[in-house]
């Protein structure tokens, strides 16, 4: 059975399953992974590392949506 953990997303507490891959968490939260930038525990996380990043208890994510316009 998978363990539920708590983390911070944009300053709000959220829960997910331990070891959830970052792209899966983004989708669960309703974000389009192609249109966001992610700060993971205080560091900008390059997209090439997203698949190997597994969410742990007490992680802190800041997710910024890219907005187009003119």
PDB file of N, CA and C in Angstrom:
ATOM      1  N   UNK A   1       0.843  -1.176   0.000  1.00  0.00           N
ATOM      2  CA  UNK A   1       0.000   0.000   0.000  1.00  0.00           C
ATOM      3  C   UNK A   1       0.889   1.242   0.000  1.00  0.00           C
ATOM      4  N   UNK A   2       0.518   2.248  -0.795  1.00  0.00           N
ATOM      5  CA  UNK A   2       1.300   3.471  -0.923  1.00  0.00           C
ATOM      6  C   UNK A   2       0.993   4.421   0.223  1.00  0.00           C
ATOM      7  N   UNK A   3       2.023   5.077   0.680  1.00  0.00           N
ATOM      8  CA  UNK A   3       1.912   6.006   1.794  1.00  0.00           C
ATOM      9  C   UNK A   3       1.560   7.405   1.284  1.00  0.00           C
ATOM     10  N   UNK A   4       0.596   8.070   1.922  1.00  0.00           N
ATOM     11  CA  UNK A   4       0.243   9.447   1.609  1.00  0.00           C
ATOM     12  C   UNK A   4       1.187  10.372   2.368  1.00  0.00           C
ATOM     13  N   UNK A   5       1.682  11.398   1.685  1.00  0.00           N
ATOM     14  CA  UNK A   5       2.592  12.357   2.294  1.00  0.00           C
ATOM     15  C   UNK A   5       2.041  13.769   2.106  1.00  0.00           C
ATOM     16  N   UNK A   6       2.582  14.693   2.869  1.00  0.00           N
ATOM     17  CA  UNK A   6       2.213  16.095   2.754  1.00  0.00           C
ATOM     18  C   UNK A   6       3.409  16.872   2.214  1.00  0.00           C
ATOM     19  N   UNK A   7       3.122  17.801   1.306  1.00  0.00           N
ATOM     20  CA  UNK A   7       4.133  18.687   0.765  1.00  0.00           C
ATOM     21  C   UNK A   7       3.523  20.067   0.622  1.00  0.00           C
ATOM     22  N   UNK A   8       4.327  21.049   0.282  1.00  0.00           N
ATOM     23  CA  UNK A   8       3.850  22.407   0.062  1.00  0.00           C
ATOM     24  C   UNK A   8       3.887  22.702  -1.433  1.00  0.00           C
ATOM     25  N   UNK A   9       2.785  23.190  -1.977  1.00  0.00           N
ATOM     26  CA  UNK A   9       2.719  23.594  -3.378  1.00  0.00           C
ATOM     27  C   UNK A   9       2.214  25.031  -3.401  1.00  0.00           C
ATOM     28  N   UNK A  10       3.058  25.933  -3.861  1.00  0.00           N
ATOM     29  CA  UNK A  10       2.729  27.364  -3.898  1.00  0.00           C
ATOM     30  C   UNK A  10       2.223  27.856  -2.545  1.00  0.00           C
ATOM     31  N   UNK A  11       2.889  27.382  -1.481  1.00  0.00           N
ATOM     32  CA  UNK A  11       2.567  27.831  -0.128  1.00  0.00           C
ATOM     33  C   UNK A  11       1.390  27.151   0.531  1.00  0.00           C
ATOM     34  N   UNK A  12       0.753  26.208  -0.164  1.00  0.00           N
ATOM     35  CA  UNK A  12      -0.415  25.515   0.386  1.00  0.00           C
ATOM     36  C   UNK A  12      -0.080  24.045   0.639  1.00  0.00           C
ATOM     37  N   UNK A  13      -0.546  23.473   1.748  1.00  0.00           N
ATOM     38  CA  UNK A  13      -0.308  22.047   1.973  1.00  0.00           C
ATOM     39  C   UNK A  13      -1.115  21.194   0.994  1.00  0.00           C
ATOM     40  N   UNK A  14      -0.494  20.186   0.455  1.00  0.00           N
ATOM     41  CA  UNK A  14      -1.132  19.237  -0.461  1.00  0.00           C
ATOM     42  C   UNK A  14      -0.702  17.838  -0.058  1.00  0.00           C
ATOM     43  N   UNK A  15      -1.454  16.848  -0.498  1.00  0.00           N
ATOM     44  CA  UNK A  15      -1.066  15.461  -0.253  1.00  0.00           C
ATOM     45  C   UNK A  15      -0.949  14.732  -1.579  1.00  0.00           C
ATOM     46  N   UNK A  16      -0.101  13.725  -1.570  1.00  0.00           N
ATOM     47  CA  UNK A  16       0.032  12.837  -2.723  1.00  0.00           C
ATOM     48  C   UNK A  16       0.651  11.537  -2.230  1.00  0.00           C
ATOM     49  N   UNK A  17       0.783  10.599  -3.114  1.00  0.00           N
ATOM     50  CA  UNK A  17       1.420   9.331  -2.791  1.00  0.00           C
ATOM     51  C   UNK A  17       2.928   9.520  -2.791  1.00  0.00           C
ATOM     52  N   UNK A  18       3.575   8.940  -1.794  1.00  0.00           N
ATOM     53  CA  UNK A  18       5.038   9.012  -1.714  1.00  0.00           C
ATOM     54  C   UNK A  18       5.663   8.482  -2.995  1.00  0.00           C
ATOM     55  N   UNK A  19       6.726   9.124  -3.442  1.00  0.00           N
ATOM     56  CA  UNK A  19       7.484   8.747  -4.636  1.00  0.00           C
ATOM     57  C   UNK A  19       6.727   8.988  -5.945  1.00  0.00           C
ATOM     58  N   UNK A  20       5.711   9.858  -5.923  1.00  0.00           N
ATOM     59  CA  UNK A  20       5.021  10.236  -7.156  1.00  0.00           C
ATOM     60  C   UNK A  20       6.007  10.982  -8.050  1.00  0.00           C
ATOM     61  N   UNK A  21       6.127  10.609  -9.322  1.00  0.00           N
ATOM     62  CA  UNK A  21       6.983  11.371 -10.226  1.00  0.00           C
ATOM     63  C   UNK A  21       6.425  12.784 -10.417  1.00  0.00           C
ATOM     64  N   UNK A  22       7.311  13.753 -10.535  1.00  0.00           N
ATOM     65  CA  UNK A  22       6.887  15.148 -10.659  1.00  0.00           C
ATOM     66  C   UNK A  22       5.878  15.378 -11.781  1.00  0.00           C
ATOM     67  N   UNK A  23       6.071  14.851 -13.003  1.00  0.00           N
ATOM     68  CA  UNK A  23       5.065  15.092 -14.045  1.00  0.00           C
ATOM     69  C   UNK A  23       3.674  14.570 -13.670  1.00  0.00           C
ATOM     70  N   UNK A  24       3.617  13.448 -12.969  1.00  0.00           N
ATOM     71  CA  UNK A  24       2.325  12.907 -12.527  1.00  0.00           C
ATOM     72  C   UNK A  24       1.670  13.842 -11.514  1.00  0.00           C
ATOM     73  N   UNK A  25       2.459  14.372 -10.585  1.00  0.00           N
ATOM     74  CA  UNK A  25       1.912  15.299  -9.596  1.00  0.00           C
ATOM     75  C   UNK A  25       1.369  16.551 -10.274  1.00  0.00           C
ATOM     76  N   UNK A  26       2.109  17.074 -11.250  1.00  0.00           N
ATOM     77  CA  UNK A  26       1.647  18.272 -11.959  1.00  0.00           C
ATOM     78  C   UNK A  26       0.284  18.025 -12.602  1.00  0.00           C
ATOM     79  N   UNK A  27       0.132  16.882 -13.222  1.00  0.00           N
ATOM     80  CA  UNK A  27      -1.152  16.561 -13.852  1.00  0.00           C
ATOM     81  C   UNK A  27      -2.248  16.384 -12.809  1.00  0.00           C
ATOM     82  N   UNK A  28      -1.934  15.730 -11.685  1.00  0.00           N
ATOM     83  CA  UNK A  28      -2.920  15.555 -10.619  1.00  0.00           C
ATOM     84  C   UNK A  28      -3.404  16.900 -10.090  1.00  0.00           C
ATOM     85  N   UNK A  29      -2.518  17.894 -10.086  1.00  0.00           N
ATOM     86  CA  UNK A  29      -2.863  19.221  -9.586  1.00  0.00           C
ATOM     87  C   UNK A  29      -3.533  20.095 -10.643  1.00  0.00           C
ATOM     88  N   UNK A  30      -3.660  19.573 -11.858  1.00  0.00           N
ATOM     89  CA  UNK A  30      -4.351  20.295 -12.914  1.00  0.00           C
ATOM     90  C   UNK A  30      -3.473  21.199 -13.761  1.00  0.00           C
ATOM     91  N   UNK A  31      -2.151  21.042 -13.660  1.00  0.00           N
ATOM     92  CA  UNK A  31      -1.234  21.840 -14.461  1.00  0.00           C
ATOM     93  C   UNK A  31      -0.884  21.110 -15.748  1.00  0.00           C
ATOM     94  N   UNK A  32      -0.711  21.863 -16.819  1.00  0.00           N
ATOM     95  CA  UNK A  32      -0.195  21.308 -18.057  1.00  0.00           C
ATOM     96  C   UNK A  32       1.327  21.355 -17.933  1.00  0.00           C
ATOM     97  N   UNK A  33       2.000  20.201 -17.834  1.00  0.00           N
ATOM     98  CA  UNK A  33       3.444  20.191 -17.618  1.00  0.00           C
ATOM     99  C   UNK A  33       4.237  20.956 -18.681  1.00  0.00           C
ATOM    100  N   UNK A  34       3.684  21.122 -19.861  1.00  0.00           N
ATOM    101  CA  UNK A  34       4.398  21.852 -20.911  1.00  0.00           C
ATOM    102  C   UNK A  34       4.363  23.360 -20.700  1.00  0.00           C
ATOM    103  N   UNK A  35       3.491  23.825 -19.802  1.00  0.00           N
ATOM    104  CA  UNK A  35       3.305  25.267 -19.643  1.00  0.00           C
ATOM    105  C   UNK A  35       3.677  25.788 -18.257  1.00  0.00           C
ATOM    106  N   UNK A  36       4.543  25.070 -17.543  1.00  0.00           N
ATOM    107  CA  UNK A  36       4.925  25.513 -16.205  1.00  0.00           C
ATOM    108  C   UNK A  36       6.447  25.466 -16.026  1.00  0.00           C
ATOM    109  N   UNK A  37       6.903  26.244 -15.056  1.00  0.00           N
ATOM    110  CA  UNK A  37       8.270  26.164 -14.545  1.00  0.00           C
ATOM    111  C   UNK A  37       8.145  25.737 -13.091  1.00  0.00           C
ATOM    112  N   UNK A  38       9.106  24.946 -12.622  1.00  0.00           N
ATOM    113  CA  UNK A  38       9.015  24.391 -11.269  1.00  0.00           C
ATOM    114  C   UNK A  38      10.268  24.724 -10.468  1.00  0.00           C
ATOM    115  N   UNK A  39      10.029  25.278  -9.266  1.00  0.00           N
ATOM    116  CA  UNK A  39      11.089  25.432  -8.284  1.00  0.00           C
ATOM    117  C   UNK A  39      10.889  24.316  -7.274  1.00  0.00           C
ATOM    118  N   UNK A  40      11.911  23.503  -7.088  1.00  0.00           N
ATOM    119  CA  UNK A  40      11.834  22.327  -6.229  1.00  0.00           C
ATOM    120  C   UNK A  40      12.789  22.521  -5.063  1.00  0.00           C
ATOM    121  N   UNK A  41      12.236  22.672  -3.865  1.00  0.00           N
ATOM    122  CA  UNK A  41      13.034  22.884  -2.661  1.00  0.00           C
ATOM    123  C   UNK A  41      14.043  24.018  -2.833  1.00  0.00           C
ATOM    124  N   UNK A  42      13.580  25.134  -3.421  1.00  0.00           N
ATOM    125  CA  UNK A  42      14.394  26.332  -3.521  1.00  0.00           C
ATOM    126  C   UNK A  42      15.265  26.452  -4.758  1.00  0.00           C
ATOM    127  N   UNK A  43      15.244  25.449  -5.626  1.00  0.00           N
ATOM    128  CA  UNK A  43      16.065  25.471  -6.836  1.00  0.00           C
ATOM    129  C   UNK A  43      15.187  25.275  -8.062  1.00  0.00           C
ATOM    130  N   UNK A  44      15.461  26.052  -9.123  1.00  0.00           N
ATOM    131  CA  UNK A  44      14.748  25.829 -10.383  1.00  0.00           C
ATOM    132  C   UNK A  44      15.127  24.438 -10.884  1.00  0.00           C
ATOM    133  N   UNK A  45      14.125  23.645 -11.181  1.00  0.00           N
ATOM    134  CA  UNK A  45      14.363  22.267 -11.628  1.00  0.00           C
ATOM    135  C   UNK A  45      14.227  22.209 -13.140  1.00  0.00           C
ATOM    136  N   UNK A  46      15.323  21.913 -13.807  1.00  0.00           N
ATOM    137  CA  UNK A  46      15.303  21.822 -15.267  1.00  0.00           C
ATOM    138  C   UNK A  46      14.439  20.650 -15.708  1.00  0.00           C
ATOM    139  N   UNK A  47      13.734  20.849 -16.770  1.00  0.00           N
ATOM    140  CA  UNK A  47      12.767  19.875 -17.290  1.00  0.00           C
ATOM    141  C   UNK A  47      13.385  18.497 -17.506  1.00  0.00           C
ATOM    142  N   UNK A  48      14.656  18.437 -17.854  1.00  0.00           N
ATOM    143  CA  UNK A  48      15.305  17.146 -18.104  1.00  0.00           C
ATOM    144  C   UNK A  48      15.361  16.268 -16.854  1.00  0.00           C
ATOM    145  N   UNK A  49      15.181  16.861 -15.686  1.00  0.00           N
ATOM    146  CA  UNK A  49      15.225  16.115 -14.422  1.00  0.00           C
ATOM    147  C   UNK A  49      13.847  15.764 -13.871  1.00  0.00           C
ATOM    148  N   UNK A  50      12.791  16.223 -14.524  1.00  0.00           N
ATOM    149  CA  UNK A  50      11.445  16.018 -13.989  1.00  0.00           C
ATOM    150  C   UNK A  50      11.092  14.539 -13.843  1.00  0.00           C
ATOM    151  N   UNK A  51      11.368  13.735 -14.839  1.00  0.00           N
ATOM    152  CA  UNK A  51      10.976  12.314 -14.806  1.00  0.00           C
ATOM    153  C   UNK A  51      11.646  11.550 -13.671  1.00  0.00           C
ATOM    154  N   UNK A  52      12.840  11.962 -13.289  1.00  0.00           N
ATOM    155  CA  UNK A  52      13.573  11.248 -12.243  1.00  0.00           C
ATOM    156  C   UNK A  52      13.345  11.843 -10.858  1.00  0.00           C
ATOM    157  N   UNK A  53      12.603  12.939 -10.787  1.00  0.00           N
ATOM    158  CA  UNK A  53      12.316  13.577  -9.502  1.00  0.00           C
ATOM    159  C   UNK A  53      11.075  12.950  -8.890  1.00  0.00           C
ATOM    160  N   UNK A  54      11.251  12.310  -7.752  1.00  0.00           N
ATOM    161  CA  UNK A  54      10.154  11.672  -7.023  1.00  0.00           C
ATOM    162  C   UNK A  54       9.829  12.511  -5.792  1.00  0.00           C
ATOM    163  N   UNK A  55       8.553  12.768  -5.579  1.00  0.00           N
ATOM    164  CA  UNK A  55       8.110  13.632  -4.489  1.00  0.00           C
ATOM    165  C   UNK A  55       8.267  12.910  -3.146  1.00  0.00           C
ATOM    166  N   UNK A  56       8.830  13.663  -2.177  1.00  0.00           N
ATOM    167  CA  UNK A  56       9.033  13.143  -0.824  1.00  0.00           C
ATOM    168  C   UNK A  56       8.281  14.024   0.174  1.00  0.00           C
ATOM    169  N   UNK A  57       8.060  13.505   1.352  1.00  0.00           N
ATOM    170  CA  UNK A  57       7.378  14.266   2.405  1.00  0.00           C
ATOM    171  C   UNK A  57       8.124  15.574   2.656  1.00  0.00           C
ATOM    172  N   UNK A  58       7.353  16.624   2.850  1.00  0.00           N
ATOM    173  CA  UNK A  58       7.851  17.959   3.184  1.00  0.00           C
ATOM    174  C   UNK A  58       8.588  18.663   2.057  1.00  0.00           C
ATOM    175  N   UNK A  59       8.504  18.139   0.813  1.00  0.00           N
ATOM    176  CA  UNK A  59       9.054  18.876  -0.320  1.00  0.00           C
ATOM    177  C   UNK A  59       8.297  20.185  -0.457  1.00  0.00           C
ATOM    178  N   UNK A  60       8.967  21.178  -1.046  1.00  0.00           N
ATOM    179  CA  UNK A  60       8.366  22.485  -1.260  1.00  0.00           C
ATOM    180  C   UNK A  60       8.465  22.821  -2.737  1.00  0.00           C
ATOM    181  N   UNK A  61       7.307  22.931  -3.400  1.00  0.00           N
ATOM    182  CA  UNK A  61       7.274  23.247  -4.811  1.00  0.00           C
ATOM    183  C   UNK A  61       6.633  24.607  -5.037  1.00  0.00           C
ATOM    184  N   UNK A  62       7.231  25.378  -5.916  1.00  0.00           N
ATOM    185  CA  UNK A  62       6.607  26.593  -6.443  1.00  0.00           C
ATOM    186  C   UNK A  62       6.416  26.351  -7.914  1.00  0.00           C
ATOM    187  N   UNK A  63       5.186  26.427  -8.373  1.00  0.00           N
ATOM    188  CA  UNK A  63       4.859  26.148  -9.769  1.00  0.00           C
ATOM    189  C   UNK A  63       4.324  27.429 -10.395  1.00  0.00           C
ATOM    190  N   UNK A  64       4.973  27.841 -11.472  1.00  0.00           N
ATOM    191  CA  UNK A  64       4.611  29.077 -12.158  1.00  0.00           C
ATOM    192  C   UNK A  64       4.093  28.710 -13.533  1.00  0.00           C
ATOM    193  N   UNK A  65       2.911  29.190 -13.873  1.00  0.00           N
ATOM    194  CA  UNK A  65       2.323  28.946 -15.183  1.00  0.00           C
ATOM    195  C   UNK A  65       2.812  29.983 -16.173  1.00  0.00           C
ATOM    196  N   UNK A  66       3.207  29.519 -17.328  1.00  0.00           N
ATOM    197  CA  UNK A  66       3.645  30.404 -18.402  1.00  0.00           C
ATOM    198  C   UNK A  66       2.413  30.943 -19.104  1.00  0.00           C
ATOM    199  N   UNK A  67       2.342  32.259 -19.220  1.00  0.00           N
ATOM    200  CA  UNK A  67       1.199  32.913 -19.846  1.00  0.00           C
ATOM    201  C   UNK A  67       1.683  33.665 -21.074  1.00  0.00           C
ATOM    202  N   UNK A  68       1.011  33.404 -22.195  1.00  0.00           N
ATOM    203  CA  UNK A  68       1.350  34.115 -23.421  1.00  0.00           C
ATOM    204  C   UNK A  68       0.419  35.293 -23.626  1.00  0.00           C
ATOM    205  N   UNK A  69       0.816  36.147 -24.482  1.00  0.00           N
ATOM    206  CA  UNK A  69      -0.040  37.288 -24.771  1.00  0.00           C
ATOM    207  C   UNK A  69       0.772  38.387 -25.413  1.00  0.00           C
ATOM    208  N   UNK A  70       0.107  39.452 -25.677  1.00  0.00           N
ATOM    209  CA  UNK A  70       0.839  40.519 -26.329  1.00  0.00           C
ATOM    210  C   UNK A  70       0.251  41.803 -26.157  1.00  0.00           C
TER     211      UNK A  70
END
